[in-house]
């Protein structure tokens, strides 16, 4: 049975080039980057070269503004919790949105239980905030605004440049969770006046358990992970040199092919929509399908077809999709993103699938997915 994977927003398969770099590094560069011997120096050279590649990828002013972490969750937690700790005497108000990833929402909830106030901005049916509402929410005691670059469930892309301009005129720092957008979209921390940025490697054909936090020079946050003096005393723990080298290779591949991949993913979206309509499937796009959205993610409401039934039957047919975030897919909780966009009682909340494309998908696979969906929707409605 042919297997088709269109759940790349959950994770991606590692690129062969990444595996090759990691294998070579594991074999030849096994030293501890903190050691003063020749093995340590060799590891440190790989670490610093990778740090420079990644710093360049977001136009960071200095390579040392990149702190390697275990992934997006740790990076988000560090940015939010350590900003709250450092700036608690300046204010205890934070701003975020109702459609953030749990890696942002859970730290915010934790802070609320510990004497902080959080404003959760609404989004419209395109999954976007109102810039006017952001301006109104900012206060003299606002210390952090955390707004994701691109949404992992519906693909909406926030107006990051405009948000950065607004926040820069306040006392707050601007953090963005760029996990779903990094690599496939252009990110410029200088242009967009971003103070803190989180991401991970496994969303762009790199390894799991490797990510980074961009921390603008001068913020000087305390480390979340305590121990040794690694990462210039900003994140304890011996660095995963092979994983970091693989991350650098993954972003090089993504940047070299960004425009090609963007065009390919947009064509997949268009083809999926067109073929479903040709097959007479009753569906709607959640949010919108356009050039200003994440190219690799699309969310569709299949009217009258339960998500769990579609997921099960597609999985039996060898097709992997998702109903929402992979981090919450194991629970029975409805999508907080769709609830924020459409309301808690909208039927689409239990009748939606997310399709997310990757570099190894083909147009033939998209046609197969559409045809199988048409067959399932017809059968389920009967």
Protein backbone atom coordinates (compact mmCIF):
# COMPACT_ATOMS: atom_id res chain seq x y z
CA UNK A 1 0.00 0.00 0.00
CA UNK A 2 1.30 3.43 -0.97
CA UNK A 3 1.94 5.65 2.04
CA UNK A 4 1.28 9.39 1.70
CA UNK A 5 2.43 11.85 4.35
CA UNK A 6 0.74 15.26 4.36
CA UNK A 7 1.22 16.09 8.04
CA UNK A 8 4.49 18.01 7.68
CA UNK A 9 3.34 20.73 10.12
CA UNK A 10 3.54 18.04 12.80
CA UNK A 11 7.05 17.03 11.85
CA UNK A 12 9.06 16.34 8.71
CA UNK A 13 11.28 13.48 7.58
CA UNK A 14 14.96 14.31 7.79
CA UNK A 15 16.55 15.23 4.50
CA UNK A 16 19.21 12.75 3.28
CA UNK A 17 21.72 15.62 3.14
CA UNK A 18 21.00 16.37 6.81
CA UNK A 19 21.42 12.74 7.79
CA UNK A 20 24.74 12.64 5.94
CA UNK A 21 26.05 15.75 7.74
CA UNK A 22 24.90 14.43 11.11
CA UNK A 23 26.41 10.98 10.52
CA UNK A 24 29.73 12.49 9.53
CA UNK A 25 29.69 14.81 12.53
CA UNK A 26 28.83 12.01 14.96
CA UNK A 27 31.71 9.97 13.55
CA UNK A 28 34.36 12.68 13.29
CA UNK A 29 33.40 15.40 15.80
CA UNK A 30 32.58 13.70 19.09
CA UNK A 31 34.38 16.12 21.41
CA UNK A 32 32.77 18.35 24.02
CA UNK A 33 32.67 21.91 22.71
CA UNK A 34 33.49 23.22 26.19
CA UNK A 35 36.71 21.20 26.40
CA UNK A 36 40.06 22.93 25.83
CA UNK A 37 41.66 19.98 24.01
CA UNK A 38 41.81 19.56 20.23
CA UNK A 39 38.67 17.43 20.15
CA UNK A 40 36.77 20.16 21.96
CA UNK A 41 38.14 22.84 19.67
CA UNK A 42 36.99 20.88 16.61
CA UNK A 43 33.50 20.56 18.08
CA UNK A 44 33.48 24.26 18.93
CA UNK A 45 34.36 25.14 15.33
CA UNK A 46 31.32 23.20 14.06
CA UNK A 47 29.14 24.80 16.73
CA UNK A 48 30.19 28.33 15.84
CA UNK A 49 29.99 27.76 12.08
CA UNK A 50 26.43 26.46 12.50
CA UNK A 51 25.55 29.38 14.76
CA UNK A 52 26.69 31.81 12.06
CA UNK A 53 24.63 30.08 9.35
CA UNK A 54 21.52 30.32 11.49
CA UNK A 55 22.18 33.91 12.58
CA UNK A 56 22.54 34.90 8.92
CA UNK A 57 19.26 33.17 8.09
CA UNK A 58 17.29 35.70 10.18
CA UNK A 59 19.66 38.66 9.67
CA UNK A 60 20.77 38.70 13.31
CA UNK A 61 23.38 41.33 14.08
CA UNK A 62 25.65 38.87 15.88
CA UNK A 63 26.06 35.10 15.81
CA UNK A 64 26.06 35.08 19.61
CA UNK A 65 22.44 36.24 19.60
CA UNK A 66 21.58 32.60 18.78
CA UNK A 67 21.11 30.28 21.77
CA UNK A 68 20.77 26.59 20.90
CA UNK A 69 18.00 24.76 22.77
CA UNK A 70 16.14 21.47 22.68
CA UNK A 71 13.45 22.93 20.40
CA UNK A 72 10.59 25.38 20.07
CA UNK A 73 8.95 24.59 23.40
CA UNK A 74 12.05 25.30 25.44
CA UNK A 75 12.76 28.43 23.39
CA UNK A 76 9.21 29.74 23.93
CA UNK A 77 9.32 28.97 27.63
CA UNK A 78 12.70 30.66 28.05
CA UNK A 79 11.61 33.80 26.21
CA UNK A 80 8.37 34.19 28.15
CA UNK A 81 9.27 33.04 31.65
CA UNK A 82 12.70 34.65 31.78
CA UNK A 83 11.40 37.97 30.43
CA UNK A 84 8.73 37.93 33.12
CA UNK A 85 11.37 37.25 35.76
CA UNK A 86 13.81 39.87 34.53
CA UNK A 87 11.24 42.64 34.03
CA UNK A 88 8.88 41.97 36.95
CA UNK A 89 9.76 45.29 38.59
CA UNK A 90 8.94 47.17 35.37
CA UNK A 91 5.51 45.61 34.94
CA UNK A 92 3.53 42.39 35.09
CA UNK A 93 1.38 42.63 31.98
CA UNK A 94 1.88 40.47 28.88
CA UNK A 95 0.01 40.28 25.57
CA UNK A 96 -0.47 37.25 23.34
CA UNK A 97 -3.20 35.82 21.07
CA UNK A 98 -5.87 33.18 21.50
CA UNK A 99 -4.40 31.01 18.73
CA UNK A 100 -0.85 30.55 19.98
CA UNK A 101 0.75 27.14 20.35
CA UNK A 102 0.49 25.51 23.78
CA UNK A 103 4.21 26.19 24.24
CA UNK A 104 3.24 29.86 24.56
CA UNK A 105 -0.21 29.54 26.14
CA UNK A 106 0.89 27.24 28.98
CA UNK A 107 3.71 29.55 30.21
CA UNK A 108 1.24 32.44 30.02
CA UNK A 109 -1.24 30.49 32.15
CA UNK A 110 1.54 29.72 34.61
CA UNK A 111 2.39 33.41 34.92
CA UNK A 112 -1.28 34.29 35.48
CA UNK A 113 -1.26 31.94 38.47
CA UNK A 114 1.79 33.76 39.81
CA UNK A 115 0.67 37.37 39.87
CA UNK A 116 0.93 38.41 36.22
CA UNK A 117 -1.84 39.66 33.93
CA UNK A 118 -2.15 38.40 30.36
CA UNK A 119 -4.26 39.91 27.57
CA UNK A 120 -5.31 37.37 24.93
CA UNK A 121 -6.04 39.12 21.64
CA UNK A 122 -8.95 37.93 19.51
CA UNK A 123 -8.49 36.93 15.87
CA UNK A 124 -10.82 37.29 12.91
CA UNK A 125 -12.01 34.46 10.65
CA UNK A 126 -8.74 34.69 8.74
CA UNK A 127 -6.80 33.96 11.92
CA UNK A 128 -5.37 37.48 12.16
CA UNK A 129 -5.29 39.96 15.02
CA UNK A 130 -6.45 43.57 14.81
CA UNK A 131 -3.51 45.96 14.96
CA UNK A 132 -5.79 48.55 16.56
CA UNK A 133 -6.67 46.10 19.33
CA UNK A 134 -2.96 45.47 19.89
CA UNK A 135 -2.34 49.20 20.22
CA UNK A 136 -5.21 49.51 22.68
CA UNK A 137 -3.98 46.56 24.73
CA UNK A 138 -0.47 47.98 25.22
CA UNK A 139 0.07 49.67 28.59
CA UNK A 140 3.02 51.28 30.38
CA UNK A 141 3.39 48.08 32.43
CA UNK A 142 3.35 45.74 29.39
CA UNK A 143 6.69 43.92 29.39
CA UNK A 144 6.23 41.39 26.57
CA UNK A 145 4.14 40.88 23.44
CA UNK A 146 4.28 37.29 22.15
CA UNK A 147 2.60 36.73 18.76
CA UNK A 148 3.32 33.79 16.47
CA UNK A 149 4.62 34.39 12.95
CA UNK A 150 2.49 31.73 11.29
CA UNK A 151 -0.25 29.52 12.69
CA UNK A 152 0.38 25.80 12.68
CA UNK A 153 -3.29 24.78 12.26
CA UNK A 154 -4.75 27.13 9.65
CA UNK A 155 -1.63 28.71 8.10
CA UNK A 156 -2.47 32.35 8.82
CA UNK A 157 0.58 34.63 8.68
CA UNK A 158 0.55 37.53 11.12
CA UNK A 159 1.63 41.04 10.00
CA UNK A 160 4.90 40.70 11.89
CA UNK A 161 6.52 43.84 10.48
CA UNK A 162 3.60 46.04 11.52
CA UNK A 163 3.42 44.36 14.93
CA UNK A 164 7.14 44.97 15.44
CA UNK A 165 6.73 48.66 14.63
CA UNK A 166 3.88 49.02 17.12
CA UNK A 167 5.64 47.18 19.93
CA UNK A 168 8.90 49.09 19.35
CA UNK A 169 7.08 52.31 20.28
CA UNK A 170 6.14 50.86 23.68
CA UNK A 171 8.01 49.62 26.74
CA UNK A 172 7.41 45.98 25.77
CA UNK A 173 9.70 43.46 24.11
CA UNK A 174 8.46 41.58 21.05
CA UNK A 175 8.69 37.77 20.96
CA UNK A 176 7.49 35.63 18.06
CA UNK A 177 7.07 31.87 17.88
CA UNK A 178 8.34 31.25 14.34
CA UNK A 179 8.34 27.44 14.55
CA UNK A 180 5.95 26.93 11.64
CA UNK A 181 7.25 29.81 9.50
CA UNK A 182 11.03 29.60 9.86
CA UNK A 183 12.76 28.55 6.66
CA UNK A 184 9.78 28.62 4.32
CA UNK A 185 9.16 32.37 4.83
CA UNK A 186 11.64 35.23 5.00
CA UNK A 187 12.38 36.40 8.53
CA UNK A 188 14.43 39.52 9.29
CA UNK A 189 14.74 40.31 12.98
CA UNK A 190 16.25 43.74 12.33
CA UNK A 191 13.64 44.87 9.81
CA UNK A 192 10.75 43.55 11.91
CA UNK A 193 12.20 44.80 15.23
CA UNK A 194 11.97 41.36 16.85
CA UNK A 195 13.60 41.03 20.26
CA UNK A 196 13.09 37.29 20.81
CA UNK A 197 12.35 34.51 18.30
CA UNK A 198 11.82 30.79 18.82
CA UNK A 199 12.02 27.92 16.38
CA UNK A 200 12.99 24.28 15.91
CA UNK A 201 14.75 22.07 13.35
CA UNK A 202 12.30 19.21 12.83
CA UNK A 203 9.76 21.35 10.94
CA UNK A 204 12.19 21.82 8.03
CA UNK A 205 13.61 18.33 7.52
CA UNK A 206 16.11 18.65 10.35
CA UNK A 207 16.48 16.60 13.55
CA UNK A 208 14.15 16.62 16.55
CA UNK A 209 15.25 17.99 19.93
CA UNK A 210 17.28 20.84 18.40
CA UNK A 211 16.12 24.44 18.18
CA UNK A 212 17.24 27.95 18.95
CA UNK A 213 16.19 31.11 20.69
CA UNK A 214 17.20 34.38 19.09
CA UNK A 215 17.83 36.87 21.90
CA UNK A 216 18.65 40.39 20.80
CA UNK A 217 21.95 41.59 22.24
CA UNK A 218 21.45 43.56 25.43
CA UNK A 219 18.41 41.72 26.80
CA UNK A 220 20.55 39.49 29.03
CA UNK A 221 17.90 37.00 30.12
CA UNK A 222 18.79 34.51 32.82
CA UNK A 223 18.96 30.89 31.61
CA UNK A 224 15.95 28.65 32.09
CA UNK A 225 18.14 25.52 32.19
CA UNK A 226 20.70 25.75 34.99
CA UNK A 227 24.01 23.93 35.22
CA UNK A 228 27.23 24.45 33.28
CA UNK A 229 28.41 27.51 31.36
CA UNK A 230 27.52 26.35 27.86
CA UNK A 231 26.08 28.77 25.28
CA UNK A 232 27.92 31.68 26.91
CA UNK A 233 26.22 30.83 30.24
CA UNK A 234 22.76 31.24 28.69
CA UNK A 235 21.69 27.60 28.43
CA UNK A 236 23.31 24.81 30.42
CA UNK A 237 23.92 21.37 28.96
CA UNK A 238 26.46 19.90 26.56
CA UNK A 239 25.55 20.95 23.04
CA UNK A 240 24.24 18.40 20.54
CA UNK A 241 26.88 19.16 17.93
CA UNK A 242 25.64 16.65 15.35
CA UNK A 243 22.06 17.88 15.70
CA UNK A 244 23.12 21.52 15.45
CA UNK A 245 25.19 20.79 12.33
CA UNK A 246 22.15 19.03 10.88
CA UNK A 247 19.97 22.03 11.71
CA UNK A 248 22.36 24.35 9.88
CA UNK A 249 22.33 22.06 6.84
CA UNK A 250 18.52 21.91 6.90
CA UNK A 251 18.16 25.69 6.84
CA UNK A 252 20.73 25.97 4.04
CA UNK A 253 18.66 23.53 1.96
CA UNK A 254 15.43 25.37 2.76
CA UNK A 255 16.82 28.78 1.88
CA UNK A 256 18.35 27.58 -1.39
CA UNK A 257 14.98 26.23 -2.53
CA UNK A 258 12.57 28.59 -0.75
CA UNK A 259 10.93 30.13 -3.80
CA UNK A 260 10.62 26.78 -5.55
CA UNK A 261 9.07 25.19 -2.46
CA UNK A 262 6.68 28.09 -1.94
CA UNK A 263 5.43 27.77 -5.51
CA UNK A 264 5.12 24.00 -5.22
CA UNK A 265 3.15 24.14 -1.97
CA UNK A 266 0.81 26.81 -3.32
CA UNK A 267 0.20 24.65 -6.38
CA UNK A 268 -0.59 21.69 -4.08
CA UNK A 269 -3.18 23.80 -2.25
CA UNK A 270 -4.77 24.98 -5.46
CA UNK A 271 -4.81 21.49 -6.93
CA UNK A 272 -6.32 19.96 -3.78
CA UNK A 273 -9.10 22.55 -3.72
CA UNK A 274 -9.80 22.25 -7.45
CA UNK A 275 -9.94 18.45 -7.46
CA UNK A 276 -12.22 18.31 -4.40
CA UNK A 277 -14.61 20.72 -6.11
CA UNK A 278 -14.52 18.67 -9.29
CA UNK A 279 -15.44 15.63 -7.23
CA UNK A 280 -18.42 17.44 -5.72
CA UNK A 281 -17.12 17.51 -2.14
CA UNK A 282 -18.92 20.01 0.12
CA UNK A 283 -16.13 21.86 1.93
CA UNK A 284 -14.75 25.29 2.82
CA UNK A 285 -11.28 26.66 3.50
CA UNK A 286 -10.76 27.69 7.12
CA UNK A 287 -9.14 31.11 7.03
CA UNK A 288 -8.09 31.95 3.52
CA UNK A 289 -6.03 30.57 0.67
CA UNK A 290 -3.67 33.26 -0.56
CA UNK A 291 -0.09 34.26 -1.20
CA UNK A 292 0.22 35.95 2.20
CA UNK A 293 -0.50 32.74 4.14
CA UNK A 294 1.95 29.98 5.06
CA UNK A 295 2.37 28.13 1.76
CA UNK A 296 2.60 24.66 3.27
CA UNK A 297 -0.53 24.60 5.48
CA UNK A 298 -4.22 24.51 4.57
CA UNK A 299 -7.20 23.74 6.79
CA UNK A 300 -10.46 22.45 5.24
CA UNK A 301 -13.94 22.02 6.72
CA UNK A 302 -15.66 18.93 5.30
CA UNK A 303 -19.31 19.64 5.97
CA UNK A 304 -21.14 16.79 7.65
CA UNK A 305 -18.04 14.57 7.88
CA UNK A 306 -16.58 14.03 11.35
CA UNK A 307 -12.85 14.65 11.62
CA UNK A 308 -12.18 11.50 13.64
CA UNK A 309 -13.92 9.29 11.08
CA UNK A 310 -12.00 10.90 8.22
CA UNK A 311 -8.70 10.59 10.08
CA UNK A 312 -9.23 6.92 10.88
CA UNK A 313 -10.25 5.98 7.37
CA UNK A 314 -7.46 7.98 5.75
CA UNK A 315 -4.93 6.34 8.08
CA UNK A 316 -6.23 2.90 7.11
CA UNK A 317 -5.72 3.95 3.49
CA UNK A 318 -2.10 4.91 4.24
CA UNK A 319 -2.67 8.69 4.22
CA UNK A 320 -1.42 10.75 7.17
CA UNK A 321 -3.16 14.07 7.86
CA UNK A 322 -4.18 15.86 11.07
CA UNK A 323 -7.22 17.46 12.65
CA UNK A 324 -5.16 20.12 14.42
CA UNK A 325 -1.84 20.53 16.19
CA UNK A 326 0.12 17.31 16.59
CA UNK A 327 0.83 18.36 20.18
CA UNK A 328 -2.88 18.16 21.07
CA UNK A 329 -4.08 15.59 18.56
CA UNK A 330 -4.02 12.83 21.16
CA UNK A 331 -6.63 14.57 23.28
CA UNK A 332 -10.35 14.99 22.74
CA UNK A 333 -10.17 18.75 23.19
CA UNK A 334 -11.51 20.77 20.24
CA UNK A 335 -9.14 23.09 18.39
CA UNK A 336 -8.67 26.31 20.35
CA UNK A 337 -7.60 27.95 17.09
CA UNK A 338 -10.85 27.19 15.27
CA UNK A 339 -12.85 28.16 18.36
CA UNK A 340 -11.11 31.53 18.47
CA UNK A 341 -11.79 32.08 14.75
CA UNK A 342 -15.38 30.83 14.51
CA UNK A 343 -16.83 30.33 18.00
CA UNK A 344 -17.13 27.27 20.20
CA UNK A 345 -20.36 26.00 18.61
CA UNK A 346 -19.35 26.12 14.94
CA UNK A 347 -19.71 22.65 13.34
CA UNK A 348 -16.41 23.00 11.51
CA UNK A 349 -14.56 22.47 14.79
CA UNK A 350 -15.35 18.74 14.66
CA UNK A 351 -15.30 18.46 10.85
CA UNK A 352 -11.91 19.91 9.91
CA UNK A 353 -8.69 18.41 8.62
CA UNK A 354 -5.30 20.08 8.27
CA UNK A 355 -3.09 19.28 5.28
CA UNK A 356 0.55 20.32 5.43
CA UNK A 357 2.96 19.73 2.60
CA UNK A 358 6.66 18.97 2.50
CA UNK A 359 9.52 18.87 0.04
CA UNK A 360 8.97 15.18 -0.77
CA UNK A 361 5.28 15.39 -1.66
CA UNK A 362 4.19 15.09 -5.31
CA UNK A 363 1.22 16.33 -7.30
CA UNK A 364 0.17 12.71 -7.88
CA UNK A 365 -0.03 12.22 -4.11
CA UNK A 366 -2.25 15.29 -3.73
CA UNK A 367 -4.59 13.90 -6.39
CA UNK A 368 -4.75 10.59 -4.53
CA UNK A 369 -5.56 12.36 -1.27
CA UNK A 370 -8.35 14.39 -2.91
CA UNK A 371 -9.84 11.31 -4.57
CA UNK A 372 -9.82 9.33 -1.34
CA UNK A 373 -11.40 12.23 0.56
CA UNK A 374 -14.17 12.49 -2.02
CA UNK A 375 -14.87 8.77 -1.68
CA UNK A 376 -14.90 8.94 2.14
CA UNK A 377 -17.11 12.02 2.34
CA UNK A 378 -19.65 10.42 0.04
CA UNK A 379 -19.67 7.22 2.11
CA UNK A 380 -19.79 8.97 5.51
CA UNK A 381 -22.67 11.20 4.50
CA UNK A 382 -24.68 8.13 3.46
